[in-house]
Amino acid sequence: MKAIPTTRMGRLRFVADALGAPMPEGLPADLLAEDEAPAPEVLRFCRDYGASLDFIYLGDVASLIRYASRAMLGKAA
């Protein structure tokens, strides 16, 4: 199992690799727009591939665990 990267860019790359999705191009290392909001390219990536902003920006895996659990329970019912 791969360790979770400690940087935003590393986590974005981790998700892209896991999903087999292309990395957005031209991103700043902190993945922030000029106004300090998430970069539009990252927002589009999350929308298009179902990636978690919480995981990419904060490293929060709780939402991923909850989603997986709900998906498994839904399939079992």
N, C-alpha and C. Protein backbone atom coordinates (compact mmCIF):
# COMPACT_ATOMS: atom_id res chain seq x y z
N MET A 1 0.84 -1.18 0.00
CA MET A 1 0.00 0.00 0.00
C MET A 1 0.89 1.24 0.00
N LYS A 2 0.52 2.21 -0.79
CA LYS A 2 1.27 3.46 -0.86
C LYS A 2 0.91 4.36 0.30
N ALA A 3 1.90 5.11 0.80
CA ALA A 3 1.66 6.09 1.84
C ALA A 3 0.95 7.30 1.22
N ILE A 4 0.12 7.95 2.02
CA ILE A 4 -0.58 9.16 1.55
C ILE A 4 0.43 10.30 1.51
N PRO A 5 0.55 10.98 0.39
CA PRO A 5 1.49 12.09 0.28
C PRO A 5 1.14 13.23 1.24
N THR A 6 2.14 14.00 1.59
CA THR A 6 1.95 15.08 2.56
C THR A 6 1.66 16.43 1.91
N THR A 7 1.79 16.54 0.60
CA THR A 7 1.53 17.82 -0.06
C THR A 7 0.25 17.76 -0.88
N ARG A 8 -0.33 18.90 -1.15
CA ARG A 8 -1.54 18.96 -1.97
C ARG A 8 -1.28 18.39 -3.36
N MET A 9 -0.17 18.81 -3.96
CA MET A 9 0.15 18.32 -5.29
C MET A 9 0.37 16.81 -5.27
N GLY A 10 1.02 16.33 -4.24
CA GLY A 10 1.23 14.90 -4.10
C GLY A 10 -0.07 14.13 -3.97
N ARG A 11 -1.00 14.67 -3.18
CA ARG A 11 -2.30 14.00 -3.02
C ARG A 11 -3.11 14.05 -4.32
N LEU A 12 -3.04 15.16 -5.05
CA LEU A 12 -3.72 15.25 -6.34
C LEU A 12 -3.15 14.20 -7.29
N ARG A 13 -1.84 14.09 -7.34
CA ARG A 13 -1.19 13.09 -8.20
C ARG A 13 -1.58 11.67 -7.77
N PHE A 14 -1.65 11.44 -6.45
CA PHE A 14 -2.04 10.15 -5.89
C PHE A 14 -3.44 9.77 -6.38
N VAL A 15 -4.37 10.72 -6.32
CA VAL A 15 -5.75 10.48 -6.76
C VAL A 15 -5.78 10.24 -8.27
N ALA A 16 -5.09 11.08 -9.02
CA ALA A 16 -5.07 10.91 -10.48
C ALA A 16 -4.53 9.54 -10.86
N ASP A 17 -3.45 9.12 -10.22
CA ASP A 17 -2.88 7.80 -10.50
C ASP A 17 -3.86 6.69 -10.13
N ALA A 18 -4.51 6.81 -8.97
CA ALA A 18 -5.45 5.78 -8.52
C ALA A 18 -6.64 5.65 -9.47
N LEU A 19 -7.07 6.77 -10.05
CA LEU A 19 -8.22 6.77 -10.95
C LEU A 19 -7.85 6.57 -12.41
N GLY A 20 -6.55 6.61 -12.71
CA GLY A 20 -6.13 6.54 -14.10
C GLY A 20 -6.52 7.78 -14.87
N ALA A 21 -6.59 8.90 -14.17
CA ALA A 21 -7.02 10.18 -14.76
C ALA A 21 -5.80 11.05 -15.05
N PRO A 22 -5.89 11.90 -16.06
CA PRO A 22 -4.79 12.82 -16.34
C PRO A 22 -4.70 13.91 -15.28
N MET A 23 -3.49 14.30 -14.97
CA MET A 23 -3.27 15.42 -14.05
C MET A 23 -3.62 16.73 -14.76
N PRO A 24 -4.30 17.63 -14.05
CA PRO A 24 -4.50 18.96 -14.63
C PRO A 24 -3.14 19.62 -14.86
N GLU A 25 -3.04 20.42 -15.90
CA GLU A 25 -1.78 21.06 -16.24
C GLU A 25 -1.74 22.51 -15.78
N GLY A 26 -0.53 23.01 -15.59
CA GLY A 26 -0.31 24.42 -15.29
C GLY A 26 -0.71 24.84 -13.90
N LEU A 27 -0.70 23.94 -12.95
CA LEU A 27 -1.11 24.27 -11.58
C LEU A 27 0.03 24.84 -10.75
N PRO A 28 -0.26 25.81 -9.89
CA PRO A 28 0.76 26.22 -8.92
C PRO A 28 0.95 25.12 -7.89
N ALA A 29 2.11 25.05 -7.26
CA ALA A 29 2.43 23.98 -6.32
C ALA A 29 1.44 23.89 -5.16
N ASP A 30 0.88 25.02 -4.73
CA ASP A 30 -0.07 25.00 -3.60
C ASP A 30 -1.52 24.75 -4.05
N LEU A 31 -1.73 24.63 -5.36
CA LEU A 31 -3.05 24.37 -5.95
C LEU A 31 -4.07 25.46 -5.64
N LEU A 32 -3.61 26.67 -5.42
CA LEU A 32 -4.50 27.79 -5.11
C LEU A 32 -4.53 28.80 -6.24
N ALA A 33 -5.70 29.39 -6.47
CA ALA A 33 -5.84 30.48 -7.42
C ALA A 33 -5.29 31.76 -6.79
N GLU A 34 -5.26 32.81 -7.56
CA GLU A 34 -4.74 34.09 -7.05
C GLU A 34 -5.51 34.59 -5.84
N ASP A 35 -6.80 34.28 -5.75
CA ASP A 35 -7.61 34.73 -4.63
C ASP A 35 -7.56 33.77 -3.44
N GLU A 36 -6.64 32.78 -3.50
CA GLU A 36 -6.43 31.78 -2.43
C GLU A 36 -7.51 30.71 -2.37
N ALA A 37 -8.44 30.71 -3.31
CA ALA A 37 -9.44 29.65 -3.41
C ALA A 37 -8.82 28.46 -4.14
N PRO A 38 -9.43 27.29 -4.06
CA PRO A 38 -8.92 26.15 -4.84
C PRO A 38 -8.83 26.52 -6.32
N ALA A 39 -7.76 26.10 -6.96
CA ALA A 39 -7.57 26.38 -8.38
C ALA A 39 -8.72 25.80 -9.20
N PRO A 40 -9.21 26.56 -10.17
CA PRO A 40 -10.34 26.08 -11.00
C PRO A 40 -10.07 24.72 -11.65
N GLU A 41 -8.82 24.47 -12.04
CA GLU A 41 -8.49 23.18 -12.65
C GLU A 41 -8.70 22.02 -11.68
N VAL A 42 -8.44 22.27 -10.39
CA VAL A 42 -8.64 21.23 -9.38
C VAL A 42 -10.14 21.01 -9.16
N LEU A 43 -10.89 22.09 -9.13
CA LEU A 43 -12.35 21.96 -8.98
C LEU A 43 -12.94 21.15 -10.13
N ARG A 44 -12.48 21.43 -11.36
CA ARG A 44 -12.97 20.67 -12.52
C ARG A 44 -12.56 19.21 -12.41
N PHE A 45 -11.33 18.95 -11.98
CA PHE A 45 -10.86 17.57 -11.81
C PHE A 45 -11.74 16.83 -10.81
N CYS A 46 -12.03 17.46 -9.68
CA CYS A 46 -12.87 16.83 -8.66
C CYS A 46 -14.28 16.58 -9.19
N ARG A 47 -14.82 17.53 -9.91
CA ARG A 47 -16.15 17.35 -10.50
C ARG A 47 -16.16 16.21 -11.51
N ASP A 48 -15.18 16.19 -12.37
CA ASP A 48 -15.15 15.22 -13.46
C ASP A 48 -14.84 13.80 -13.00
N TYR A 49 -14.05 13.66 -11.94
CA TYR A 49 -13.60 12.33 -11.52
C TYR A 49 -14.10 11.91 -10.14
N GLY A 50 -14.88 12.76 -9.49
CA GLY A 50 -15.43 12.39 -8.19
C GLY A 50 -14.41 12.42 -7.07
N ALA A 51 -13.33 13.15 -7.27
CA ALA A 51 -12.28 13.25 -6.25
C ALA A 51 -12.73 14.17 -5.11
N SER A 52 -12.12 13.99 -3.95
CA SER A 52 -12.47 14.74 -2.75
C SER A 52 -11.56 15.95 -2.57
N LEU A 53 -12.17 17.14 -2.53
CA LEU A 53 -11.39 18.35 -2.22
C LEU A 53 -10.79 18.26 -0.82
N ASP A 54 -11.54 17.70 0.13
CA ASP A 54 -11.03 17.57 1.50
C ASP A 54 -9.75 16.73 1.52
N PHE A 55 -9.73 15.66 0.75
CA PHE A 55 -8.54 14.83 0.72
C PHE A 55 -7.38 15.57 0.05
N ILE A 56 -7.63 16.16 -1.10
CA ILE A 56 -6.55 16.82 -1.83
C ILE A 56 -5.98 18.00 -1.05
N TYR A 57 -6.83 18.85 -0.51
CA TYR A 57 -6.34 20.06 0.16
C TYR A 57 -5.96 19.85 1.61
N LEU A 58 -6.63 18.95 2.32
CA LEU A 58 -6.40 18.80 3.75
C LEU A 58 -5.84 17.45 4.16
N GLY A 59 -5.86 16.50 3.24
CA GLY A 59 -5.41 15.16 3.58
C GLY A 59 -6.41 14.40 4.43
N ASP A 60 -7.66 14.85 4.44
CA ASP A 60 -8.70 14.25 5.27
C ASP A 60 -9.27 13.01 4.58
N VAL A 61 -9.03 11.85 5.15
CA VAL A 61 -9.52 10.61 4.56
C VAL A 61 -10.89 10.20 5.11
N ALA A 62 -11.39 10.89 6.12
CA ALA A 62 -12.67 10.51 6.74
C ALA A 62 -13.81 10.49 5.73
N SER A 63 -13.88 11.47 4.84
CA SER A 63 -14.95 11.50 3.86
C SER A 63 -14.83 10.32 2.89
N LEU A 64 -13.62 9.92 2.56
CA LEU A 64 -13.42 8.78 1.67
C LEU A 64 -13.88 7.49 2.34
N ILE A 65 -13.60 7.36 3.62
CA ILE A 65 -14.00 6.16 4.37
C ILE A 65 -15.53 6.10 4.47
N ARG A 66 -16.15 7.24 4.78
CA ARG A 66 -17.62 7.27 4.87
C ARG A 66 -18.25 6.91 3.53
N TYR A 67 -17.73 7.47 2.45
CA TYR A 67 -18.28 7.20 1.12
C TYR A 67 -18.15 5.72 0.78
N ALA A 68 -16.99 5.15 1.03
CA ALA A 68 -16.79 3.72 0.74
C ALA A 68 -17.72 2.86 1.58
N SER A 69 -17.88 3.22 2.82
CA SER A 69 -18.76 2.46 3.70
C SER A 69 -20.21 2.51 3.21
N ARG A 70 -20.68 3.69 2.88
CA ARG A 70 -22.06 3.84 2.38
C ARG A 70 -22.24 3.07 1.07
N ALA A 71 -21.24 3.11 0.21
CA ALA A 71 -21.34 2.39 -1.06
C ALA A 71 -21.42 0.89 -0.82
N MET A 72 -20.64 0.39 0.11
CA MET A 72 -20.65 -1.05 0.42
C MET A 72 -21.98 -1.45 1.06
N LEU A 73 -22.49 -0.66 1.98
CA LEU A 73 -23.75 -0.97 2.61
C LEU A 73 -24.90 -0.91 1.61
N GLY A 74 -24.84 0.02 0.70
CA GLY A 74 -25.87 0.14 -0.32
C GLY A 74 -25.89 -1.04 -1.25
N LYS A 75 -24.75 -1.58 -1.54
CA LYS A 75 -24.66 -2.75 -2.44
C LYS A 75 -25.11 -4.02 -1.71
N ALA A 76 -24.90 -4.06 -0.38
CA ALA A 76 -25.25 -5.25 0.38
C ALA A 76 -26.75 -5.32 0.65
N ALA A 77 -27.43 -4.17 0.60
CA ALA A 77 -28.85 -4.14 0.94
C ALA A 77 -29.73 -4.61 -0.17
